[in-house]
Amino acid sequence: MRFVWAGLGGVSLLCGLIGVVLPLIPTVPFLLLATFCFARSSERLHNWLLDHPRFGGPIRDWQQYGAISRRAKGLATVSCLAVLGLSLALGLRWQLIAIQALTLSCVLAFLWTRPNAPR
């Protein structure tokens, strides 16, 4: 079973790393999932991810405080608005835009109701 958890952690980590480059793919949720999976498969990989200089901070903030940094909230808001703007510019059907707007609004409401990271 450890190999299954390690494999899921690796796939999640890969998706999170892709999200660093592609703005439409979330980074931190995949890193949180990778941390969860690595905690069940490999203490070494789990600790590596928690101690990572770039990714460790947001993961620890979420685990300890349920917090998201103001910068991450701002970037997520800009990304959501860009996606919605792109959909409008492409002339998608209004039903699709309405579903997208509702979904993105729920995501942003969740993000902005989380506490700010203590850092």
Protein backbone atom coordinates (compact mmCIF):
# COMPACT_ATOMS: atom_id res chain seq x y z
CA MET A 1 0.00 0.00 0.00
CA ARG A 2 2.96 2.31 0.59
CA PHE A 3 3.76 2.17 -3.13
CA VAL A 4 0.23 3.28 -3.99
CA TRP A 5 0.47 6.24 -1.60
CA ALA A 6 3.94 7.09 -2.95
CA GLY A 7 2.66 6.94 -6.52
CA LEU A 8 -0.32 9.17 -5.71
CA GLY A 9 2.03 11.55 -3.93
CA GLY A 10 4.35 11.66 -6.93
CA VAL A 11 1.50 12.36 -9.34
CA SER A 12 0.15 15.08 -7.03
CA LEU A 13 3.59 16.64 -6.72
CA LEU A 14 3.98 16.61 -10.50
CA CYS A 15 0.58 18.30 -10.93
CA GLY A 16 1.56 20.90 -8.33
CA LEU A 17 4.84 21.61 -10.12
CA ILE A 18 2.98 22.00 -13.41
CA GLY A 19 0.70 24.45 -11.61
CA VAL A 20 3.72 26.64 -10.83
CA VAL A 21 4.10 27.27 -14.57
CA LEU A 22 0.49 27.09 -15.79
CA PRO A 23 -1.76 29.62 -14.07
CA LEU A 24 -4.96 27.61 -14.52
CA ILE A 25 -3.74 24.62 -12.49
CA PRO A 26 -3.68 25.11 -8.71
CA THR A 27 -0.36 24.48 -7.01
CA VAL A 28 -0.97 24.36 -3.27
CA PRO A 29 -3.94 21.92 -3.27
CA PHE A 30 -1.85 19.39 -5.18
CA LEU A 31 1.09 19.96 -2.82
CA LEU A 32 -1.22 19.42 0.16
CA LEU A 33 -2.42 16.18 -1.41
CA ALA A 34 1.19 15.13 -2.07
CA THR A 35 2.05 15.86 1.57
CA PHE A 36 -0.91 13.74 2.71
CA CYS A 37 0.12 10.85 0.46
CA PHE A 38 3.82 11.06 1.37
CA ALA A 39 2.94 11.04 5.08
CA ARG A 40 1.48 7.57 4.47
CA SER A 41 4.29 6.28 2.29
CA SER A 42 7.65 7.90 2.97
CA GLU A 43 8.75 9.93 5.96
CA ARG A 44 11.75 11.15 3.96
CA LEU A 45 9.60 12.55 1.11
CA HIS A 46 7.09 13.99 3.57
CA ASN A 47 9.81 15.84 5.46
CA TRP A 48 11.46 16.95 2.22
CA LEU A 49 8.24 18.57 1.08
CA LEU A 50 7.59 20.23 4.45
CA ASP A 51 11.16 21.56 4.59
CA HIS A 52 11.24 22.72 0.96
CA PRO A 53 12.27 26.40 0.87
CA ARG A 54 9.54 27.41 -1.59
CA PHE A 55 6.65 25.01 -0.98
CA GLY A 56 7.08 24.13 2.69
CA GLY A 57 5.84 27.45 4.06
CA PRO A 58 2.36 27.42 2.49
CA ILE A 59 1.91 23.76 3.39
CA ARG A 60 2.84 24.34 7.04
CA ASP A 61 0.64 27.47 7.18
CA TRP A 62 -2.34 25.42 6.00
CA GLN A 63 -1.61 22.48 8.30
CA GLN A 64 -1.04 24.58 11.42
CA TYR A 65 -3.45 27.49 10.98
CA GLY A 66 -5.72 26.73 8.01
CA ALA A 67 -4.22 29.92 6.60
CA ILE A 68 -3.51 31.14 3.08
CA SER A 69 -1.18 34.06 2.38
CA ARG A 70 -2.63 37.33 1.13
CA ARG A 71 -0.35 37.10 -1.91
CA ALA A 72 -1.72 33.65 -2.82
CA LYS A 73 -5.27 34.93 -2.42
CA GLY A 74 -4.50 37.88 -4.69
CA LEU A 75 -2.90 35.69 -7.35
CA ALA A 76 -5.84 33.30 -7.24
CA THR A 77 -8.26 36.20 -7.64
CA VAL A 78 -6.36 37.57 -10.64
CA SER A 79 -6.23 34.10 -12.21
CA CYS A 80 -9.96 33.57 -11.73
CA LEU A 81 -10.76 36.95 -13.26
CA ALA A 82 -8.42 36.25 -16.17
CA VAL A 83 -10.10 32.91 -16.87
CA LEU A 84 -13.55 34.50 -16.73
CA GLY A 85 -12.38 37.35 -18.97
CA LEU A 86 -10.93 34.88 -21.46
CA SER A 87 -14.23 33.00 -21.55
CA LEU A 88 -16.07 36.24 -22.24
CA ALA A 89 -13.57 37.23 -24.93
CA LEU A 90 -13.96 33.83 -26.61
CA GLY A 91 -17.72 34.33 -26.68
CA LEU A 92 -18.66 31.16 -24.83
CA ARG A 93 -22.35 30.49 -24.26
CA TRP A 94 -23.82 32.47 -21.38
CA GLN A 95 -24.79 29.25 -19.58
CA LEU A 96 -21.16 28.12 -19.46
CA ILE A 97 -20.01 31.54 -18.30
CA ALA A 98 -22.67 31.56 -15.58
CA ILE A 99 -21.56 28.13 -14.31
CA GLN A 100 -17.95 29.24 -14.43
CA ALA A 101 -18.69 32.50 -12.62
CA LEU A 102 -20.61 30.67 -9.89
CA THR A 103 -17.84 28.10 -9.42
CA LEU A 104 -15.08 30.71 -9.36
CA SER A 105 -17.08 32.83 -6.92
CA CYS A 106 -17.37 29.87 -4.55
CA VAL A 107 -13.63 29.22 -4.81
CA LEU A 108 -12.80 32.85 -4.09
CA ALA A 109 -15.28 33.01 -1.21
CA PHE A 110 -13.58 30.00 0.35
CA LEU A 111 -10.10 31.46 -0.16
CA TRP A 112 -10.89 34.91 1.19
CA THR A 113 -12.64 33.55 4.29
CA ARG A 114 -9.49 31.68 5.34
CA PRO A 115 -7.17 33.50 7.73
CA ASN A 116 -4.06 35.16 6.38
CA ALA A 117 -0.83 33.27 6.90
CA PRO A 118 1.06 34.43 10.00
CA ARG A 119 4.31 35.01 8.10
